[in-house]
Protein backbone atom coordinates (compact mmCIF):
# COMPACT_ATOMS: atom_id res chain seq x y z
CA MET A 1 0.00 0.00 0.00
CA LYS A 2 1.31 3.44 -0.95
CA ASN A 3 2.02 5.93 1.82
CA SER A 4 -0.71 8.26 0.52
CA ASP A 5 -3.24 5.41 0.67
CA LYS A 6 -2.21 4.63 4.25
CA LYS A 7 -2.86 8.25 5.21
CA LEU A 8 -6.24 8.14 3.49
CA LEU A 9 -7.13 4.93 5.34
CA ALA A 10 -6.08 6.53 8.64
CA VAL A 11 -8.39 9.48 7.95
CA LEU A 12 -11.25 7.06 7.22
CA ILE A 13 -10.71 5.20 10.50
CA ILE A 14 -10.54 8.43 12.51
CA CYS A 15 -13.72 9.76 10.91
CA ILE A 16 -15.57 6.49 11.55
CA LEU A 17 -14.50 6.58 15.21
CA LEU A 18 -15.71 10.17 15.43
CA ARG A 19 -19.11 9.15 14.10
CA LEU A 20 -19.30 6.41 16.73
CA VAL A 21 -18.47 8.85 19.53
CA ILE A 22 -21.00 11.42 18.33
CA PHE A 23 -23.63 8.69 17.93
CA SER A 24 -23.19 7.84 21.61
CA PHE A 25 -24.30 11.34 22.61
CA GLN A 26 -26.52 12.50 19.74
CA THR A 27 -30.27 12.24 20.17
CA PRO A 28 -31.97 9.97 17.61
CA PHE A 29 -34.47 12.70 16.67
CA ASN A 30 -34.28 15.90 14.70
CA ASN A 31 -37.16 18.37 14.27
CA ASP A 32 -39.05 16.04 11.92
CA LYS A 33 -41.29 13.14 12.98
CA HIS A 34 -39.69 10.26 11.07
CA PHE A 35 -39.85 7.96 14.09
CA LEU A 36 -43.66 8.07 14.06
CA VAL A 37 -43.63 6.47 10.61
CA VAL A 38 -41.13 3.80 11.70
CA SER A 39 -43.20 2.99 14.80
CA TYR A 40 -46.45 2.79 12.82
CA ILE A 41 -44.95 0.30 10.35
CA PHE A 42 -43.52 -1.79 13.20
CA GLN A 43 -46.82 -1.89 15.11
CA ASN A 44 -49.21 -2.35 12.18
CA ASN A 45 -47.16 -4.18 9.55
CA ALA A 46 -48.54 -1.66 7.07
CA LEU A 47 -47.64 1.69 5.55
CA PRO A 48 -49.38 4.85 6.82
CA SER A 49 -51.22 7.13 4.43
CA PRO A 50 -49.71 10.56 3.71
CA PHE A 51 -52.50 12.09 5.82
CA GLN A 52 -51.48 10.37 9.06
CA PHE A 53 -48.05 11.90 9.76
CA GLU A 54 -46.13 14.78 8.29
CA GLU A 55 -43.32 12.47 7.12
CA ALA A 56 -45.60 9.73 5.77
CA GLN A 57 -45.54 11.53 2.43
CA HIS A 58 -42.11 10.07 1.68
CA PRO A 59 -41.40 6.82 -0.18
CA PRO A 60 -41.17 4.03 2.39
CA LEU A 61 -37.83 2.23 1.96
CA TYR A 62 -35.95 3.81 4.87
CA TYR A 63 -38.90 3.40 7.23
CA ILE A 64 -39.41 -0.25 6.34
CA PHE A 65 -35.75 -1.12 6.94
CA ALA A 66 -35.62 1.00 10.10
CA SER A 67 -38.72 -0.70 11.55
CA PHE A 68 -36.83 -4.01 11.80
CA PHE A 69 -34.45 -2.40 14.30
CA LEU A 70 -37.37 -1.72 16.65
CA PHE A 71 -37.27 -5.42 17.45
CA PHE A 72 -34.32 -4.41 19.62
CA GLY A 73 -36.71 -2.19 21.53
CA SER A 74 -35.64 1.43 21.32
CA ALA A 75 -35.23 4.49 19.16
CA LYS A 76 -31.47 4.29 19.74
CA ALA A 77 -31.47 0.90 17.98
CA VAL A 78 -33.20 2.51 14.99
CA GLN A 79 -30.66 5.31 15.08
CA PHE A 80 -27.94 2.64 14.92
CA PHE A 81 -29.30 1.71 11.48
CA SER A 82 -28.73 5.31 10.39
CA LEU A 83 -25.22 5.17 11.83
CA ILE A 84 -24.45 2.08 9.73
CA LEU A 85 -25.64 3.93 6.62
CA SER A 86 -23.58 7.00 7.55
CA ILE A 87 -20.43 4.94 7.95
CA GLY A 88 -21.26 3.07 4.73
CA ALA A 89 -21.48 6.35 2.79
CA LEU A 90 -18.12 7.46 4.18
CA ILE A 91 -16.54 4.16 3.12
CA VAL A 92 -17.94 4.59 -0.40
CA PHE A 93 -16.49 8.12 -0.50
CA PHE A 94 -13.13 6.68 0.60
CA VAL A 95 -13.12 4.02 -2.12
CA LEU A 96 -14.15 6.46 -4.85
CA ILE A 97 -11.71 9.17 -3.76
CA LYS A 98 -8.96 6.57 -3.76
CA LYS A 99 -9.81 5.59 -7.36
CA LEU A 100 -9.89 9.14 -8.73
CA ASP A 101 -6.92 10.68 -10.47
CA ILE A 102 -6.51 13.69 -8.20
CA PRO A 103 -3.56 14.93 -6.11
CA PRO A 104 -2.99 12.84 -2.94
CA LYS A 105 -3.15 15.94 -0.72
CA ASN A 106 -6.53 16.87 -2.18
CA LYS A 107 -7.76 13.33 -1.53
CA LEU A 108 -6.98 13.74 2.16
CA TYR A 109 -8.72 17.09 2.40
CA CYS A 110 -11.79 15.84 0.51
CA LEU A 111 -12.19 12.83 2.79
CA LEU A 112 -11.62 14.94 5.90
CA PHE A 113 -14.24 17.37 4.67
CA ALA A 114 -16.80 14.57 4.17
CA GLY A 115 -15.84 12.98 7.47
CA LEU A 116 -15.90 16.08 9.69
CA LEU A 117 -18.63 18.37 8.35
CA PRO A 118 -21.08 18.55 11.30
CA GLN A 119 -24.29 18.63 9.26
CA MET A 120 -23.23 15.57 7.26
CA ILE A 121 -22.59 13.65 10.46
CA PHE A 122 -25.77 14.77 12.21
CA PHE A 123 -28.12 14.10 9.30
CA GLY A 124 -26.38 10.80 8.68
CA ASN A 125 -27.04 9.79 12.29
CA TYR A 126 -30.64 10.91 12.79
CA ILE A 127 -33.65 8.65 12.45
CA SER A 128 -34.39 10.10 9.05
CA ASN A 129 -34.52 9.06 5.41
CA ASP A 130 -31.63 11.49 4.85
CA SER A 131 -29.22 8.80 6.07
CA LEU A 132 -30.34 6.30 3.43
CA SER A 133 -30.46 9.06 0.79
CA ILE A 134 -26.85 10.01 1.48
CA PHE A 135 -25.76 6.37 1.35
CA LEU A 136 -27.60 5.57 -1.89
CA GLY A 137 -26.40 8.86 -3.38
CA SER A 138 -22.80 7.83 -2.68
CA LEU A 139 -23.44 4.46 -4.37
CA ILE A 140 -24.92 6.16 -7.43
CA PHE A 141 -21.82 8.34 -7.82
CA PHE A 142 -19.57 5.34 -7.34
CA GLN A 143 -21.48 3.20 -9.81
CA SER A 144 -21.61 6.02 -12.36
CA TYR A 145 -17.84 6.20 -12.19
CA MET A 146 -17.60 2.44 -12.68
CA LEU A 147 -19.96 2.63 -15.67
CA ILE A 148 -17.86 5.33 -17.29
CA LYS A 149 -14.83 3.08 -16.89
CA SER A 150 -16.58 -0.07 -18.13
CA GLN A 151 -19.90 -0.36 -19.97
CA SER A 152 -20.68 -3.89 -18.81
CA ILE A 153 -24.28 -5.07 -18.39
CA MET A 154 -23.68 -5.54 -14.67
CA ASN A 155 -22.60 -1.93 -14.25
CA HIS A 156 -25.81 -0.79 -15.96
CA VAL A 157 -27.90 -3.09 -13.76
CA LEU A 158 -26.26 -1.92 -10.51
CA LEU A 159 -26.70 1.74 -11.42
CA ALA A 160 -30.38 1.10 -12.17
CA VAL A 161 -30.82 -0.77 -8.87
CA PHE A 162 -29.22 2.02 -6.82
CA LEU A 163 -31.31 4.68 -8.54
CA GLY A 164 -34.51 2.64 -8.10
CA LEU A 165 -33.80 2.23 -4.39
CA GLY A 166 -33.09 5.96 -4.20
CA MET A 167 -36.45 6.78 -5.79
CA LEU A 168 -38.04 4.47 -3.23
CA THR A 169 -36.37 6.55 -0.50
CA LYS A 170 -36.80 10.16 -1.62
CA ALA A 171 -38.61 11.76 -4.54
CA THR A 172 -35.61 14.00 -5.25
CA PHE A 173 -33.85 10.98 -6.80
CA ILE A 174 -36.33 11.11 -9.68
CA LEU A 175 -34.40 14.10 -10.98
CA PHE A 176 -31.31 11.89 -11.26
CA LEU A 177 -33.05 9.65 -13.79
CA PRO A 178 -32.84 11.85 -16.93
CA VAL A 179 -29.22 12.79 -16.18
CA LEU A 180 -28.15 9.17 -15.74
CA PHE A 181 -30.17 8.11 -18.78
CA VAL A 182 -28.30 10.66 -20.91
CA LEU A 183 -25.04 9.41 -19.42
CA ILE A 184 -25.83 5.85 -20.54
CA ILE A 185 -26.66 6.99 -24.06
CA PHE A 186 -23.57 9.18 -24.29
CA ILE A 187 -21.05 6.77 -22.80
CA ASN A 188 -22.22 3.81 -24.87
CA PHE A 189 -22.31 5.87 -28.06
CA LYS A 190 -18.86 7.30 -27.33
CA ASN A 191 -17.42 3.80 -26.92
CA ASN A 192 -19.23 2.34 -29.94
CA GLN A 193 -21.47 0.14 -27.79
CA LYS A 194 -25.08 -0.81 -28.45
CA ILE A 195 -27.44 1.73 -26.90
CA LEU A 196 -30.96 0.23 -26.93
CA VAL A 197 -30.43 -2.71 -24.56
CA PRO A 198 -28.54 -0.73 -21.87
CA CYS A 199 -31.19 1.99 -21.98
CA LEU A 200 -34.02 -0.52 -21.60
CA ILE A 201 -32.23 -2.30 -18.76
CA PHE A 202 -31.71 0.97 -16.94
CA LEU A 203 -35.27 2.25 -17.36
CA VAL A 204 -37.07 -1.01 -16.65
CA ILE A 205 -35.12 -1.85 -13.49
CA SER A 206 -35.01 1.67 -12.01
CA LEU A 207 -38.71 2.36 -12.68
CA ALA A 208 -39.85 -1.08 -11.55
CA LEU A 209 -38.00 -0.66 -8.24
CA GLY A 210 -38.62 3.01 -7.64
CA SER A 211 -42.07 3.91 -8.94
CA TYR A 212 -44.30 2.23 -6.30
CA LYS A 213 -45.01 5.31 -4.16
CA TYR A 214 -45.73 7.59 -7.10
CA VAL A 215 -48.02 5.11 -8.88
CA ASN A 216 -49.82 4.45 -5.61
CA ASN A 217 -50.27 8.18 -4.98
CA GLU A 218 -51.65 8.69 -8.48
CA ILE A 219 -54.14 5.85 -8.08
CA LEU A 220 -55.34 6.88 -4.61
CA TYR A 221 -54.97 10.65 -4.60
CA LYS A 222 -54.61 11.64 -8.29
CA ASN A 223 -51.28 13.26 -7.43
CA PRO A 224 -48.05 11.24 -7.73
CA PHE A 225 -46.10 13.76 -5.63
CA ILE A 226 -48.59 14.56 -2.91
CA ASN A 227 -46.87 16.06 0.12
CA TYR A 228 -47.66 17.50 3.51
CA GLN A 229 -47.43 21.08 2.26
CA GLU A 230 -50.61 20.41 0.28
CA ILE A 231 -52.28 18.19 2.88
CA ASN A 232 -51.88 20.60 5.79
CA PRO A 233 -50.84 24.03 4.49
CA GLY A 234 -51.87 25.68 7.74
CA TRP A 235 -49.07 23.85 9.59
CA PHE A 236 -46.53 25.54 7.33
CA ALA A 237 -48.07 29.02 7.57
CA PRO A 238 -45.31 30.34 9.90
CA HIS A 239 -42.74 29.34 7.25
CA ARG A 240 -44.33 31.48 4.55
CA GLY A 241 -43.24 34.89 3.38
CA THR A 242 -39.67 33.92 2.57
CA TYR A 243 -39.52 35.77 -0.74
CA SER A 244 -38.88 39.49 -0.30
CA GLY A 245 -38.06 40.50 -3.85
CA SER A 246 -34.99 39.98 -6.00
CA SER A 247 -32.72 40.47 -2.97
CA SER A 248 -33.77 36.99 -1.81
CA PHE A 249 -31.62 35.66 -4.65
CA TYR A 250 -28.54 37.84 -4.31
CA ASP A 251 -28.32 38.82 -0.64
CA ILE A 252 -24.94 37.39 0.39
CA ASN A 253 -24.28 39.70 3.33
CA ILE A 254 -22.66 37.07 5.49
CA ILE A 255 -22.22 39.56 8.33
CA LYS A 256 -25.89 38.90 9.16
CA LEU A 257 -25.07 35.23 9.74
CA ILE A 258 -21.94 36.03 11.70
CA GLU A 259 -23.90 38.31 14.03
CA ASN A 260 -26.65 35.70 14.47
CA PRO A 261 -25.69 32.17 13.31
CA TYR A 262 -29.23 30.81 13.68
CA VAL A 263 -32.58 31.39 11.94
CA SER A 264 -33.49 35.05 12.13
CA LEU A 265 -35.61 37.64 10.35
CA GLU A 266 -32.40 39.13 8.94
CA THR A 267 -31.36 35.93 7.15
CA LYS A 268 -34.43 33.80 6.42
CA HIS A 269 -35.37 35.97 3.44
CA SER A 270 -32.04 35.29 1.71
CA TYR A 271 -31.77 32.01 -0.19
CA PRO A 272 -27.94 32.06 -0.36
CA LEU A 273 -27.54 32.83 3.36
CA MET A 274 -29.91 30.02 4.39
CA LEU A 275 -28.07 27.54 2.17
CA TYR A 276 -24.73 28.74 3.53
CA GLY A 277 -25.90 28.59 7.12
CA THR A 278 -27.44 25.13 6.91
CA PHE A 279 -24.38 23.74 5.14
CA TRP A 280 -21.67 24.88 7.51
CA TYR A 281 -23.49 24.94 10.86
CA GLN A 282 -26.76 24.31 12.68
CA TYR A 283 -28.56 27.33 11.29
CA ILE A 284 -31.73 25.42 12.23
CA LYS A 285 -31.33 23.89 15.68
CA ASP A 286 -31.92 20.20 14.98
CA SER A 287 -29.33 18.43 17.06
CA ASN A 288 -28.87 18.29 20.82
CA PHE A 289 -25.28 19.40 20.14
CA ASN A 290 -26.43 22.88 20.99
CA GLY A 291 -27.63 24.79 23.99
CA LYS A 292 -28.02 28.14 25.68
CA SER A 293 -24.30 28.68 26.04
CA ALA A 294 -22.98 31.62 24.03
CA ILE A 295 -20.01 29.45 23.04
CA PHE A 296 -22.20 27.65 20.49
CA SER A 297 -23.02 30.98 18.84
CA TRP A 298 -19.37 32.01 18.85
CA LEU A 299 -18.36 28.72 17.27
CA GLY A 300 -21.03 29.14 14.61
CA SER A 301 -19.84 32.65 13.80
CA LEU A 302 -16.20 31.55 13.58
CA ILE A 303 -17.11 28.62 11.33
CA TYR A 304 -19.05 30.95 9.02
CA ILE A 305 -16.02 33.25 8.78
CA LEU A 306 -13.50 30.49 8.10
CA ALA A 307 -15.85 28.82 5.59
CA ILE A 308 -15.74 31.83 3.26
CA ILE A 309 -12.52 30.77 1.51
CA PRO A 310 -13.51 27.08 0.99
CA THR A 311 -16.91 28.23 -0.29
CA ILE A 312 -15.26 30.50 -2.84
CA ILE A 313 -12.95 27.66 -3.86
CA MET A 314 -15.89 25.30 -4.40
CA ILE A 315 -17.74 27.92 -6.45
CA ILE A 316 -14.61 28.36 -8.57
CA GLY A 317 -14.45 24.57 -9.01
CA PHE A 318 -18.11 24.48 -10.04
CA PHE A 319 -17.65 27.09 -12.77
CA ARG A 320 -14.35 25.58 -13.87
CA ILE A 321 -16.12 22.30 -14.63
CA ALA A 322 -19.12 24.08 -16.17
CA ARG A 323 -16.83 26.07 -18.47
CA ASN A 324 -15.35 22.95 -20.03
CA PRO A 325 -17.89 20.11 -19.59
CA SER A 326 -16.30 17.83 -22.18
CA LYS A 327 -12.95 17.66 -20.38
CA ASN A 328 -13.98 15.10 -17.77
CA ILE A 329 -17.21 13.09 -18.10
CA PHE A 330 -17.40 12.14 -14.43
CA GLU A 331 -16.88 15.72 -13.21
CA THR A 332 -19.57 16.92 -15.61
CA LEU A 333 -21.93 14.24 -14.33
CA CYS A 334 -21.25 15.37 -10.75
CA LEU A 335 -22.10 18.93 -11.73
CA LEU A 336 -25.38 17.91 -13.40
CA LEU A 337 -26.51 15.70 -10.52
CA PHE A 338 -25.73 18.51 -8.09
CA LEU A 339 -27.78 20.92 -10.18
CA THR A 340 -30.81 18.60 -10.02
CA ASN A 341 -30.81 18.84 -6.22
CA LEU A 342 -30.25 22.59 -6.33
CA PHE A 343 -33.15 22.87 -8.77
CA PHE A 344 -35.40 20.98 -6.35
CA ILE A 345 -34.52 23.35 -3.50
CA PHE A 346 -35.39 26.46 -5.50
CA TYR A 347 -38.42 24.92 -7.20
CA ALA A 348 -40.02 23.72 -3.96
CA GLY A 349 -38.89 26.72 -1.91
CA ILE A 350 -40.31 29.22 -4.39
CA LYS A 351 -43.46 27.20 -5.16
CA TYR A 352 -44.45 26.95 -1.50
CA ASP A 353 -42.67 30.15 -0.40
CA ASP A 354 -41.26 28.17 2.54
CA TRP A 355 -37.87 29.04 4.01
CA ALA A 356 -37.50 25.49 5.38
CA PHE A 357 -36.81 24.16 1.87
CA PHE A 358 -33.62 26.20 1.64
CA GLN A 359 -31.58 23.66 3.58
CA SER A 360 -28.32 22.30 2.23
CA ARG A 361 -29.15 18.82 3.51
CA TYR A 362 -31.21 18.44 0.33
CA LEU A 363 -27.87 18.57 -1.50
CA PHE A 364 -26.30 15.81 0.57
CA GLN A 365 -27.36 12.97 -1.73
CA SER A 366 -25.06 14.74 -4.22
CA PHE A 367 -22.36 15.41 -1.63
CA PHE A 368 -19.66 13.81 -3.72
CA SER A 369 -20.21 16.59 -6.26
CA ILE A 370 -19.16 19.09 -3.60
CA LEU A 371 -15.92 17.17 -3.04
CA ILE A 372 -15.28 17.27 -6.79
CA PHE A 373 -15.86 21.05 -6.80
CA LEU A 374 -13.44 21.43 -3.90
CA ASN A 375 -10.73 19.48 -5.71
CA SER A 376 -11.32 21.36 -8.97
CA GLY A 377 -11.19 24.72 -7.21
CA ILE A 378 -7.95 23.89 -5.41
CA ASN A 379 -6.39 22.73 -8.68
CA PHE A 380 -7.35 26.05 -10.27
CA ILE A 381 -5.12 27.91 -7.79
CA LYS A 382 -1.61 27.97 -9.26
CA ASN A 383 -0.03 30.39 -6.80
CA SER A 384 1.58 28.30 -4.05
CA LYS A 385 0.98 30.93 -1.34
CA ILE A 386 -2.72 31.23 -2.14
CA ARG A 387 -3.09 27.46 -2.28
CA LYS A 388 -1.37 27.21 1.10
CA LEU A 389 -3.90 29.73 2.44
CA VAL A 390 -6.72 27.49 1.19
CA TYR A 391 -5.24 24.47 2.97
CA ILE A 392 -4.78 26.50 6.16
CA SER A 393 -8.41 27.66 6.06
CA LEU A 394 -9.58 24.08 5.61
CA CYS A 395 -7.40 22.85 8.49
CA SER A 396 -8.71 25.67 10.68
CA LEU A 397 -12.28 24.68 9.81
CA PHE A 398 -11.61 21.03 10.61
CA PHE A 399 -10.12 22.08 13.95
CA LEU A 400 -13.21 24.17 14.75
CA PHE A 401 -15.47 21.25 13.83
CA VAL A 402 -13.63 19.05 16.33
CA ILE A 403 -13.82 21.79 19.00
CA TYR A 404 -17.55 22.10 18.33
CA PHE A 405 -18.07 18.34 18.74
CA ALA A 406 -15.93 18.27 21.88
CA TYR A 407 -17.78 21.17 23.48
CA GLY A 408 -21.12 19.69 22.46
CA ILE A 409 -20.25 16.44 24.22
CA TYR A 410 -18.95 18.31 27.25
CA ASN A 411 -22.22 20.27 27.39
CA LEU A 412 -24.19 17.00 27.42
CA LEU A 413 -22.22 15.33 30.21
């Protein structure tokens, strides 16, 4: 094993251990009521209707799997299922990062980023379909890479299976389907392979596995994408009024977040600030790794400040790939899959005028795209002093993440 691979493996082990430690202290629940769905399935051996619970609108795969863990008798056992998925996603990231032709130093920083980002860890550990979404998203990126390398029937089948399972977990995976379908056409055509059979395999398997919830909704409710916003709009009334004119799109005054790192009237009308806040810190207080202590606010503010440089680097990486999409097929695919999730956020957030949709966790099933943007942005920087500054900012962020976890645990003791 090369020395760089040993370092990467060491990072993986450390990040897995960190997840285990945080799991020991983190509450199984976030602000959503996913556990009610799991409990209902366990007690009734049946799926609830979308009208019974606010989270029953979702496709059922996570809840069905999670219900088996209730045989062990507690919500913590169900949360352990999420932990397994969280660790699984991190291992997939490790394997894929190891395979990619990128600088060894960037590989380390990408894996550390995936392994230490607080929101990734928390939403991977909650009783929530986010954990399965992140895991299946990582598998889709991995399998897409494998398909680009080899157009075997098995690679087509596995990609279709992972996408179908994703669609059976969250409706946002449906937006992956056209992108991956175009990938199959393009990659087979480019390599002089037959196109019809791979396309049929992909569509038949993915739709057969993933379409149950949407077909069922259409039959019963004449709406394949029925959701709780439409069932109980009054519940979401306090979330309304997000849009405040064109400034909602371009307000990037991060000083507002630094002064108040949590949801506030000053920031919840800005789409970029809400996405920034929910990506780097607990802008919405979901986890019990928070409290009344002012130290949590100070940590949030410091993280927002130090995250400015990495954010700029990732934006540079995004546009660098977008500028030359034919240079690297896999990077272009990452960009397109990321854009599908970003499209969902803006579509749903604007349609329902609900600030709660502008959460970066909806991007986490495309999290590997963000790692690709980070690598691309770092590679764009040719000046050694500026690149060193980028690495220092990332190291400082990672250090603050660890301090945040440590203080959170201390606060819970």
